[in-house]
Amino acid sequence: MTAVTKRFGQFTAVDNLSLDVPEGQIIGFLGPNGAGKSTSLRMGLGIMEPDSGSVELFGRAPNVQSLRRVGFLPEERGLYKKMTARDTISHFARLKGLSASDARARADELLEATELGEFSRSRISKLSKGMAQKVQILSTLAHRPDFLILDEPFSGLDPVNQQALENLIRAEHDRGATILFSTHVMEHAERLCDRIVMMARGRKVLDGTLKEAFASLGQGARISVEHGFDLAAALSPKGFEAIRTADVGHGETWRIELPPGREAQDALRAALEAGAPITGFAPEEARLRDVFVSLVGEADAAALEASLAEDGVA
């Protein structure tokens, strides 16, 4: 999609968004609830028309043929309560072009692979919430789509099923699928994604690889040295800024600010070359949540925390 904007009355849900999804990648579409992620995905599929800008799916405007190559899990979950798990998956597979026999075989394969085989003939109404959500996810990918779009797929799943879904996403990627998933739980993106796109208040605030995202954050490392050694003076000629933060036993701990493109190991190597009597070393582990907070204001950071609280994530 290119420069798409969508308004609802006076409210701008998506503001001048351009998003490219290269074939074969796993891309995380990140941001708090209300950031414009779901609206963007719907426009990308032709479900919703943008007020301005353009959308292409497989090189042309979304149409019936191109949508057959897509598996879409909407944020709003919905299944036929009186249908069995097996019939549900095979039904959606048939809608995407599989024959009746192939659809049933595919349903059985997926249910067995996800340890739901014994529930294949159970009605959706009799399944737990987590099981029903797994059935809907399996229905999304039953036809082996080229492009898998998952809108908040981890929402409502317990940690065990979240891990199972991560494994399923990796398996689909290994099969050759391109995957775009939205989430406000950024740890999933850290583990899965080739690239991330961050949204806040309808605008894109970051688009790049994980390494590029972390490079936008002021990262650092902590080095402890024996008391009396001036680490700041030793590292300054090597391009590192060091600030003493605490006294530890017979030594001192310094925080090293890492310039763009430099890593914690570079700071450690520079300290060793300067003859620093090192007693401790620890790189600071950056998180995508830290990147997001650094890019947006306090209100948007608070919105992310509120989204996590709604989903029961500490």
Protein backbone atom coordinates (compact mmCIF):
# COMPACT_ATOMS: atom_id res chain seq x y z
CA MET A 1 0.00 0.00 0.00
CA THR A 2 1.19 3.50 -0.81
CA ALA A 3 0.32 6.70 1.12
CA VAL A 4 -3.04 5.36 2.32
CA THR A 5 -5.22 7.40 4.63
CA LYS A 6 -8.49 6.39 6.24
CA ARG A 7 -10.78 8.67 8.21
CA PHE A 8 -13.94 8.00 10.16
CA GLY A 9 -15.62 11.37 10.43
CA GLN A 10 -13.12 13.73 12.02
CA PHE A 11 -10.97 10.85 13.30
CA THR A 12 -7.95 9.80 11.21
CA ALA A 13 -7.43 6.07 11.82
CA VAL A 14 -4.54 5.68 9.34
CA ASP A 15 -2.46 8.62 8.22
CA ASN A 16 -0.40 8.46 5.00
CA LEU A 17 0.81 4.90 5.52
CA SER A 18 3.10 3.18 3.03
CA LEU A 19 3.78 -0.49 3.66
CA ASP A 20 5.63 -3.01 1.50
CA VAL A 21 5.67 -6.73 2.35
CA PRO A 22 8.54 -8.51 0.54
CA GLU A 23 7.95 -12.12 -0.41
CA GLY A 24 9.19 -14.72 2.05
CA GLN A 25 9.55 -12.50 5.12
CA ILE A 26 7.88 -12.52 8.53
CA ILE A 27 6.88 -8.96 9.36
CA GLY A 28 5.56 -7.74 12.69
CA PHE A 29 3.00 -4.93 12.58
CA LEU A 30 3.32 -3.45 16.04
CA GLY A 31 1.61 -0.87 18.18
CA PRO A 32 -0.99 -0.40 20.92
CA ASN A 33 -4.69 -1.03 20.47
CA GLY A 34 -6.15 1.80 18.41
CA ALA A 35 -2.92 2.52 16.50
CA GLY A 36 -4.54 1.78 13.13
CA LYS A 37 -3.22 -1.75 12.58
CA SER A 38 -6.53 -3.53 11.91
CA THR A 39 -7.81 -0.77 9.65
CA SER A 40 -4.56 -0.94 7.65
CA LEU A 41 -4.85 -4.71 7.22
CA ARG A 42 -8.45 -4.43 6.04
CA MET A 43 -7.46 -1.83 3.46
CA GLY A 44 -4.62 -4.05 2.32
CA LEU A 45 -7.13 -6.82 1.60
CA GLY A 46 -9.67 -4.59 -0.13
CA ILE A 47 -12.21 -5.09 2.66
CA MET A 48 -12.14 -1.36 3.30
CA GLU A 49 -11.42 1.40 0.79
CA PRO A 50 -8.85 4.07 1.70
CA ASP A 51 -9.85 7.71 1.42
CA SER A 52 -6.61 8.34 -0.43
CA GLY A 53 -3.59 6.37 -1.57
CA SER A 54 -3.42 3.03 -3.37
CA VAL A 55 -3.36 -0.65 -2.47
CA GLU A 56 -1.92 -3.62 -4.38
CA LEU A 57 -2.01 -7.30 -3.52
CA PHE A 58 0.36 -9.48 -5.58
CA GLY A 59 0.94 -6.55 -7.91
CA ARG A 60 -2.66 -5.53 -8.57
CA ALA A 61 -5.77 -4.32 -6.80
CA PRO A 62 -7.17 -6.98 -4.44
CA ASN A 63 -9.60 -9.31 -6.24
CA VAL A 64 -11.22 -12.72 -5.83
CA GLN A 65 -8.30 -14.53 -7.49
CA SER A 66 -5.56 -12.87 -5.44
CA LEU A 67 -7.51 -13.30 -2.20
CA ARG A 68 -7.52 -17.08 -2.74
CA ARG A 69 -3.77 -16.91 -2.12
CA VAL A 70 -4.30 -15.19 1.25
CA GLY A 71 -5.10 -16.57 4.68
CA PHE A 72 -6.59 -13.85 6.92
CA LEU A 73 -7.26 -14.16 10.64
CA PRO A 74 -9.36 -11.15 11.70
CA GLU A 75 -9.09 -9.66 15.16
CA GLU A 76 -12.79 -10.35 15.72
CA ARG A 77 -13.02 -14.10 16.25
CA GLY A 78 -16.09 -15.88 14.94
CA LEU A 79 -16.90 -19.52 14.23
CA TYR A 80 -20.09 -21.50 13.66
CA LYS A 81 -20.78 -22.81 17.15
CA LYS A 82 -22.71 -25.91 16.05
CA MET A 83 -20.06 -27.10 13.57
CA THR A 84 -17.36 -29.54 14.60
CA ALA A 85 -13.69 -28.59 14.58
CA ARG A 86 -13.05 -30.83 11.57
CA ASP A 87 -16.00 -29.49 9.59
CA THR A 88 -15.05 -25.90 10.39
CA ILE A 89 -11.52 -26.25 9.02
CA SER A 90 -12.62 -28.19 5.95
CA HIS A 91 -15.41 -25.66 5.28
CA PHE A 92 -12.99 -22.75 5.13
CA ALA A 93 -10.54 -24.81 3.07
CA ARG A 94 -13.27 -25.50 0.51
CA LEU A 95 -14.09 -21.78 0.34
CA LYS A 96 -10.48 -21.29 -0.76
CA GLY A 97 -10.72 -23.87 -3.53
CA LEU A 98 -9.84 -27.27 -2.03
CA SER A 99 -11.96 -30.28 -2.97
CA ALA A 100 -14.15 -31.87 -0.30
CA SER A 101 -11.81 -34.85 0.17
CA ASP A 102 -8.66 -32.69 0.21
CA ALA A 103 -10.28 -30.29 2.67
CA ARG A 104 -11.19 -33.07 5.10
CA ALA A 105 -7.72 -34.60 4.81
CA ARG A 106 -6.11 -31.23 5.45
CA ALA A 107 -8.33 -30.66 8.48
CA ASP A 108 -7.34 -34.03 9.94
CA GLU A 109 -3.66 -33.31 9.29
CA LEU A 110 -3.78 -29.94 11.05
CA LEU A 111 -5.80 -31.17 14.02
CA GLU A 112 -3.42 -34.06 14.62
CA ALA A 113 -0.36 -31.82 14.24
CA THR A 114 -1.69 -29.42 16.89
CA GLU A 115 -2.82 -32.11 19.34
CA LEU A 116 -6.51 -31.48 18.68
CA GLY A 117 -7.19 -34.76 16.91
CA GLU A 118 -9.32 -36.16 19.72
CA PHE A 119 -11.56 -33.08 19.50
CA SER A 120 -12.06 -33.21 15.73
CA ARG A 121 -15.73 -34.16 16.07
CA SER A 122 -16.42 -31.85 19.00
CA ARG A 123 -18.65 -28.86 18.34
CA ILE A 124 -17.03 -25.46 18.60
CA SER A 125 -19.43 -24.61 21.44
CA LYS A 126 -17.95 -27.48 23.48
CA LEU A 127 -14.32 -26.41 23.04
CA SER A 128 -12.40 -24.15 25.39
CA LYS A 129 -11.73 -20.60 24.24
CA GLY A 130 -8.09 -21.47 23.49
CA MET A 131 -9.03 -24.56 21.50
CA ALA A 132 -11.63 -22.67 19.49
CA GLN A 133 -9.09 -19.99 18.69
CA LYS A 134 -6.62 -22.64 17.50
CA VAL A 135 -9.33 -24.05 15.22
CA GLN A 136 -9.86 -20.60 13.71
CA ILE A 137 -6.13 -20.18 13.15
CA LEU A 138 -5.98 -23.60 11.48
CA SER A 139 -8.91 -22.61 9.28
CA THR A 140 -6.92 -19.57 8.17
CA LEU A 141 -3.99 -21.61 6.87
CA ALA A 142 -5.75 -24.81 5.78
CA HIS A 143 -5.41 -23.98 2.06
CA ARG A 144 -1.65 -23.36 2.38
CA PRO A 145 -1.80 -19.65 1.54
CA ASP A 146 1.11 -17.81 -0.05
CA PHE A 147 0.43 -14.80 2.17
CA LEU A 148 -0.71 -15.22 5.78
CA ILE A 149 -2.14 -12.17 7.57
CA LEU A 150 -2.83 -12.57 11.28
CA ASP A 151 -4.48 -9.77 13.26
CA GLU A 152 -3.57 -10.07 16.96
CA PRO A 153 -3.24 -13.87 16.72
CA PHE A 154 -1.78 -14.26 20.23
CA SER A 155 -4.55 -12.36 21.99
CA GLY A 156 -6.38 -14.52 24.52
CA LEU A 157 -3.99 -17.49 24.29
CA ASP A 158 -2.22 -18.84 27.35
CA PRO A 159 1.61 -19.04 27.27
CA VAL A 160 1.61 -22.69 26.15
CA ASN A 161 -0.66 -21.99 23.19
CA GLN A 162 1.24 -18.80 22.37
CA GLN A 163 4.39 -20.90 22.02
CA ALA A 164 2.50 -23.43 19.91
CA LEU A 165 1.34 -20.61 17.63
CA GLU A 166 4.89 -19.26 17.30
CA ASN A 167 5.97 -22.76 16.23
CA LEU A 168 3.12 -22.89 13.71
CA ILE A 169 4.12 -19.51 12.26
CA ARG A 170 7.70 -20.72 11.84
CA ALA A 171 6.46 -23.88 10.15
CA GLU A 172 4.33 -21.87 7.71
CA HIS A 173 7.31 -19.65 6.95
CA ASP A 174 9.52 -22.69 6.37
CA ARG A 175 6.86 -23.95 3.94
CA GLY A 176 7.35 -20.72 1.97
CA ALA A 177 4.57 -18.44 3.20
CA THR A 178 5.01 -14.70 3.57
CA ILE A 179 3.60 -13.68 6.96
CA LEU A 180 2.37 -10.37 8.34
CA PHE A 181 1.01 -10.33 11.86
CA SER A 182 -0.13 -7.49 14.06
CA THR A 183 0.42 -7.50 17.78
CA HIS A 184 0.89 -5.21 20.75
CA VAL A 185 3.02 -7.85 22.54
CA MET A 186 6.39 -7.05 21.08
CA GLU A 187 8.24 -10.04 22.49
CA HIS A 188 6.59 -12.22 19.86
CA ALA A 189 8.02 -10.01 17.13
CA GLU A 190 11.49 -10.15 18.70
CA ARG A 191 11.49 -13.92 18.41
CA LEU A 192 9.86 -14.28 15.00
CA CYS A 193 10.33 -11.34 12.69
CA ASP A 194 12.69 -10.43 9.89
CA ARG A 195 11.32 -6.90 9.91
CA ILE A 196 9.04 -4.76 12.04
CA VAL A 197 6.72 -1.84 11.38
CA MET A 198 5.65 0.25 14.37
CA MET A 199 2.46 2.30 14.44
CA ALA A 200 1.24 5.01 16.79
CA ARG A 201 -1.93 7.08 16.35
CA GLY A 202 -2.34 5.95 12.77
CA ARG A 203 1.16 6.86 11.66
CA LYS A 204 4.17 4.68 10.95
CA VAL A 205 6.99 5.54 13.34
CA LEU A 206 9.49 2.85 12.36
CA ASP A 207 10.03 0.41 9.49
CA GLY A 208 13.13 -1.77 9.46
CA THR A 209 14.94 -4.87 10.64
CA LEU A 210 15.32 -5.71 14.31
CA LYS A 211 18.94 -4.57 14.16
CA GLU A 212 17.90 -1.24 12.66
CA ALA A 213 15.20 -0.86 15.30
CA PHE A 214 17.63 -1.44 18.14
CA ALA A 215 20.14 0.91 16.51
CA SER A 216 17.60 3.71 16.91
CA LEU A 217 17.76 3.19 20.66
CA GLY A 218 20.58 4.49 22.78
CA GLN A 219 22.04 1.16 23.82
CA GLY A 220 24.73 0.64 26.37
CA ALA A 221 26.84 -1.70 28.43
CA ARG A 222 28.01 -1.78 32.02
CA ILE A 223 31.66 -2.35 32.89
CA SER A 224 32.99 -2.65 36.43
CA VAL A 225 36.64 -1.85 37.10
CA GLU A 226 38.90 -1.75 40.13
CA HIS A 227 38.58 1.38 42.25
CA GLY A 228 40.49 4.40 41.01
CA PHE A 229 40.62 3.60 37.30
CA ASP A 230 39.16 6.43 35.18
CA LEU A 231 37.26 4.46 32.52
CA ALA A 232 35.79 7.62 30.99
CA ALA A 233 39.24 9.01 30.22
CA ALA A 234 40.39 5.64 28.88
CA LEU A 235 37.45 5.15 26.52
CA SER A 236 36.92 8.70 25.30
CA PRO A 237 39.69 8.52 22.65
CA LYS A 238 38.09 5.33 21.35
CA GLY A 239 34.72 7.01 20.79
CA PHE A 240 32.84 5.78 23.87
CA GLU A 241 31.25 7.87 26.61
CA ALA A 242 31.39 6.34 30.09
CA ILE A 243 29.49 7.52 33.15
CA ARG A 244 30.23 6.22 36.63
CA THR A 245 27.01 4.85 38.14
CA ALA A 246 27.91 3.02 41.37
CA ASP A 247 30.61 1.82 43.73
CA VAL A 248 30.74 -1.97 43.93
CA GLY A 249 32.94 -3.49 46.63
CA HIS A 250 36.49 -2.44 45.85
CA GLY A 251 35.58 -1.12 42.42
CA GLU A 252 33.24 1.04 40.39
CA THR A 253 30.62 0.38 37.71
CA TRP A 254 30.40 2.56 34.62
CA ARG A 255 27.64 2.75 32.01
CA ILE A 256 28.99 2.90 28.46
CA GLU A 257 26.89 4.67 25.84
CA LEU A 258 27.18 2.78 22.56
CA PRO A 259 27.42 4.97 19.43
CA PRO A 260 25.34 3.90 16.39
CA GLY A 261 26.78 0.79 14.81
CA ARG A 262 28.89 -0.12 17.86
CA GLU A 263 28.12 -3.13 20.06
CA ALA A 264 28.76 -3.96 23.70
CA GLN A 265 31.65 -6.24 22.75
CA ASP A 266 33.32 -3.29 21.01
CA ALA A 267 33.25 -1.33 24.28
CA LEU A 268 34.69 -4.29 26.20
CA ARG A 269 37.47 -4.72 23.65
CA ALA A 270 38.31 -1.01 23.84
CA ALA A 271 38.46 -1.16 27.64
CA LEU A 272 40.79 -4.16 27.54
CA GLU A 273 43.02 -2.43 24.99
CA ALA A 274 43.16 0.60 27.33
CA GLY A 275 44.41 -1.60 30.16
CA ALA A 276 41.26 -1.35 32.27
CA PRO A 277 41.32 -3.69 35.33
CA ILE A 278 37.88 -5.15 34.54
CA THR A 279 35.96 -6.99 37.25
CA GLY A 280 32.55 -7.21 35.57
CA PHE A 281 30.81 -6.74 32.23
CA ALA A 282 27.15 -6.85 31.16
CA PRO A 283 25.58 -5.67 27.90
CA GLU A 284 22.24 -3.92 28.27
CA GLU A 285 19.56 -5.97 26.56
CA ALA A 286 17.32 -3.72 24.49
CA ARG A 287 13.67 -4.61 23.93
CA LEU A 288 11.28 -3.53 21.20
CA ARG A 289 9.08 -2.01 23.86
CA ASP A 290 12.01 0.26 24.76
CA VAL A 291 12.39 1.22 21.09
CA PHE A 292 8.70 2.09 20.85
CA VAL A 293 8.78 4.19 24.01
CA SER A 294 11.84 6.05 22.71
CA LEU A 295 10.08 6.92 19.44
CA VAL A 296 6.74 8.15 20.75
CA GLY A 297 5.46 10.39 23.49
CA GLU A 298 4.32 9.38 26.95
CA ALA A 299 0.67 9.12 25.87
CA ASP A 300 1.40 6.49 23.23
CA ALA A 301 3.71 4.60 25.55
CA ALA A 302 0.91 4.57 28.13
CA ALA A 303 -1.50 3.28 25.46
CA LEU A 304 0.85 0.36 24.82
CA GLU A 305 0.98 -0.45 28.51
CA ALA A 306 -2.82 -0.29 28.67
CA SER A 307 -3.08 -2.71 25.73
CA LEU A 308 -0.78 -5.14 27.50
CA ALA A 309 -2.81 -4.86 30.69
CA GLU A 310 -6.03 -5.59 28.77
CA ASP A 311 -4.45 -8.77 27.43
CA GLY A 312 -3.09 -9.77 30.82
CA VAL A 313 0.58 -9.28 29.89
CA ALA A 314 2.84 -8.02 32.64
